[in-house]
Amino acid sequence: MINESVANNPFQRLSELFVNNQNQLNKDVHQLRTSVRTVKQIFESLLEELEADPFKANLTVLCGLDSVSLQILEQGRSVEETRDKILESIVLLEKSNEKKLRK
């Protein structure tokens, strides 16, 4: 995955890691937002139907929400993991810039 010249240059490697994490976070957030919007639309539509006439409301739209919920949870975990990696990297970089007295 990493070519020889990038592996030998720490600044290129750091840049590559940053860009890869940023791209992954953007992808994960996009997927999560899309899934949440889909569920939101399902609930809004069902709510309108229930308020208009509960006897005619299409309750079958609730079927399969368990698998969609699991998918949303997995997407949320992915966003959280990537976000945590980025934030932990920042903390490590900040610590590396602290001045210390060495014996």
C-alpha atoms as a PDB file:
ATOM      1  CA  MET A   1       0.000   0.000   0.000  1.00  0.00           C
ATOM      2  CA  ILE A   2       2.828   2.388   0.821  1.00  0.00           C
ATOM      3  CA  ASN A   3       5.485   2.822  -1.799  1.00  0.00           C
ATOM      4  CA  GLU A   4       9.179   2.890  -0.858  1.00  0.00           C
ATOM      5  CA  SER A   5       9.673   6.668  -1.146  1.00  0.00           C
ATOM      6  CA  VAL A   6       6.656   7.450   1.046  1.00  0.00           C
ATOM      7  CA  ALA A   7       7.754   4.898   3.656  1.00  0.00           C
ATOM      8  CA  ASN A   8      11.146   6.618   3.854  1.00  0.00           C
ATOM      9  CA  ASN A   9       9.705  10.121   4.247  1.00  0.00           C
ATOM     10  CA  PRO A  10       7.840  10.580   7.535  1.00  0.00           C
ATOM     11  CA  PHE A  11       6.171  13.800   6.385  1.00  0.00           C
ATOM     12  CA  GLN A  12       4.733  12.116   3.311  1.00  0.00           C
ATOM     13  CA  ARG A  13       3.586   9.199   5.457  1.00  0.00           C
ATOM     14  CA  LEU A  14       1.955  11.571   7.951  1.00  0.00           C
ATOM     15  CA  SER A  15       0.220  13.403   5.127  1.00  0.00           C
ATOM     16  CA  GLU A  16      -0.968  10.134   3.579  1.00  0.00           C
ATOM     17  CA  LEU A  17      -2.373   8.922   6.891  1.00  0.00           C
ATOM     18  CA  PHE A  18      -4.146  12.221   7.462  1.00  0.00           C
ATOM     19  CA  VAL A  19      -5.712  12.219   3.991  1.00  0.00           C
ATOM     20  CA  ASN A  20      -6.750   8.570   4.269  1.00  0.00           C
ATOM     21  CA  ASN A  21      -8.380   9.135   7.661  1.00  0.00           C
ATOM     22  CA  GLN A  22     -10.090  12.293   6.416  1.00  0.00           C
ATOM     23  CA  ASN A  23     -11.428  10.453   3.354  1.00  0.00           C
ATOM     24  CA  GLN A  24     -12.615   7.537   5.480  1.00  0.00           C
ATOM     25  CA  LEU A  25     -14.362   9.873   7.917  1.00  0.00           C
ATOM     26  CA  ASN A  26     -16.080  11.728   5.060  1.00  0.00           C
ATOM     27  CA  LYS A  27     -17.224   8.434   3.511  1.00  0.00           C
ATOM     28  CA  ASP A  28     -18.480   7.044   6.831  1.00  0.00           C
ATOM     29  CA  VAL A  29     -20.324  10.266   7.740  1.00  0.00           C
ATOM     30  CA  HIS A  30     -21.944  10.393   4.285  1.00  0.00           C
ATOM     31  CA  GLN A  31     -23.186   6.805   4.625  1.00  0.00           C
ATOM     32  CA  LEU A  32     -24.516   7.425   8.123  1.00  0.00           C
ATOM     33  CA  ARG A  33     -26.296  10.638   7.109  1.00  0.00           C
ATOM     34  CA  THR A  34     -27.891   8.859   4.137  1.00  0.00           C
ATOM     35  CA  SER A  35     -29.131   5.999   6.319  1.00  0.00           C
ATOM     36  CA  VAL A  36     -30.486   8.332   9.000  1.00  0.00           C
ATOM     37  CA  ARG A  37     -32.287  10.432   6.378  1.00  0.00           C
ATOM     38  CA  THR A  38     -33.870   7.294   4.925  1.00  0.00           C
ATOM     39  CA  VAL A  39     -35.199   6.210   8.320  1.00  0.00           C
ATOM     40  CA  LYS A  40     -36.351   9.757   9.020  1.00  0.00           C
ATOM     41  CA  GLN A  41     -38.380   9.761   5.805  1.00  0.00           C
ATOM     42  CA  ILE A  42     -39.934   6.407   6.694  1.00  0.00           C
ATOM     43  CA  PHE A  43     -40.964   7.661  10.141  1.00  0.00           C
ATOM     44  CA  GLU A  44     -42.241  11.008   8.866  1.00  0.00           C
ATOM     45  CA  SER A  45     -44.370   9.285   6.226  1.00  0.00           C
ATOM     46  CA  LEU A  46     -45.735   6.767   8.710  1.00  0.00           C
ATOM     47  CA  LEU A  47     -46.464   9.500  11.241  1.00  0.00           C
ATOM     48  CA  GLU A  48     -48.462  11.460   8.651  1.00  0.00           C
ATOM     49  CA  GLU A  49     -50.430   8.343   7.750  1.00  0.00           C
ATOM     50  CA  LEU A  50     -51.146   7.533  11.407  1.00  0.00           C
ATOM     51  CA  GLU A  51     -52.299  11.074  12.096  1.00  0.00           C
ATOM     52  CA  ALA A  52     -54.521  11.089   9.001  1.00  0.00           C
ATOM     53  CA  ASP A  53     -56.106   7.661   9.470  1.00  0.00           C
ATOM     54  CA  PRO A  54     -54.606   4.930  11.655  1.00  0.00           C
ATOM     55  CA  PHE A  55     -56.761   2.313   9.912  1.00  0.00           C
ATOM     56  CA  LYS A  56     -55.181   3.044   6.538  1.00  0.00           C
ATOM     57  CA  ALA A  57     -51.598   3.577   7.728  1.00  0.00           C
ATOM     58  CA  ASN A  58     -49.082   1.292   6.053  1.00  0.00           C
ATOM     59  CA  LEU A  59     -47.463  -0.344   9.063  1.00  0.00           C
ATOM     60  CA  THR A  60     -45.472  -2.762   6.915  1.00  0.00           C
ATOM     61  CA  VAL A  61     -42.861  -0.014   6.439  1.00  0.00           C
ATOM     62  CA  LEU A  62     -41.741  -0.931   9.967  1.00  0.00           C
ATOM     63  CA  CYS A  63     -40.640  -4.364   8.726  1.00  0.00           C
ATOM     64  CA  GLY A  64     -36.915  -4.456   8.239  1.00  0.00           C
ATOM     65  CA  LEU A  65     -36.171  -1.516  10.521  1.00  0.00           C
ATOM     66  CA  ASP A  66     -34.242  -3.857  12.797  1.00  0.00           C
ATOM     67  CA  SER A  67     -31.690  -4.575  10.067  1.00  0.00           C
ATOM     68  CA  VAL A  68     -31.553  -0.885   9.124  1.00  0.00           C
ATOM     69  CA  SER A  69     -30.975  -0.035  12.788  1.00  0.00           C
ATOM     70  CA  LEU A  70     -28.099  -2.506  12.972  1.00  0.00           C
ATOM     71  CA  GLN A  71     -26.627  -0.971   9.827  1.00  0.00           C
ATOM     72  CA  ILE A  72     -26.895   2.518  11.332  1.00  0.00           C
ATOM     73  CA  LEU A  73     -25.221   1.308  14.533  1.00  0.00           C
ATOM     74  CA  GLU A  74     -22.365  -0.194  12.526  1.00  0.00           C
ATOM     75  CA  GLN A  75     -21.975   3.009  10.516  1.00  0.00           C
ATOM     76  CA  GLY A  76     -21.997   5.018  13.742  1.00  0.00           C
ATOM     77  CA  ARG A  77     -19.277   2.798  15.197  1.00  0.00           C
ATOM     78  CA  SER A  78     -17.187   3.314  12.083  1.00  0.00           C
ATOM     79  CA  VAL A  79     -17.561   7.101  12.303  1.00  0.00           C
ATOM     80  CA  GLU A  80     -16.692   6.986  15.997  1.00  0.00           C
ATOM     81  CA  GLU A  81     -13.601   4.809  15.442  1.00  0.00           C
ATOM     82  CA  THR A  82     -12.254   6.984  12.642  1.00  0.00           C
ATOM     83  CA  ARG A  83     -13.014  10.177  14.562  1.00  0.00           C
ATOM     84  CA  ASP A  84     -11.250   8.775  17.646  1.00  0.00           C
ATOM     85  CA  LYS A  85      -8.195   7.803  15.599  1.00  0.00           C
ATOM     86  CA  ILE A  86      -7.938  11.327  14.229  1.00  0.00           C
ATOM     87  CA  LEU A  87      -8.381  12.936  17.653  1.00  0.00           C
ATOM     88  CA  GLU A  88      -5.868  10.565  19.280  1.00  0.00           C
ATOM     89  CA  SER A  89      -3.362  11.361  16.538  1.00  0.00           C
ATOM     90  CA  ILE A  90      -3.739  15.065  17.246  1.00  0.00           C
ATOM     91  CA  VAL A  91      -3.113  14.492  20.949  1.00  0.00           C
ATOM     92  CA  LEU A  92       0.020  12.470  20.159  1.00  0.00           C
ATOM     93  CA  LEU A  93       1.292  15.184  17.839  1.00  0.00           C
ATOM     94  CA  GLU A  94       0.628  17.853  20.435  1.00  0.00           C
ATOM     95  CA  LYS A  95       2.504  15.822  23.059  1.00  0.00           C
ATOM     96  CA  SER A  96       5.425  15.389  20.692  1.00  0.00           C
ATOM     97  CA  ASN A  97       5.775  19.186  20.548  1.00  0.00           C
ATOM     98  CA  GLU A  98       5.951  19.638  24.319  1.00  0.00           C
ATOM     99  CA  LYS A  99       9.316  20.814  25.515  1.00  0.00           C
ATOM    100  CA  LYS A 100      10.886  18.697  28.180  1.00  0.00           C
ATOM    101  CA  LEU A 101      14.101  18.797  30.115  1.00  0.00           C
ATOM    102  CA  ARG A 102      16.093  15.704  29.349  1.00  0.00           C
ATOM    103  CA  LYS A 103      18.597  14.184  31.754  1.00  0.00           C
END
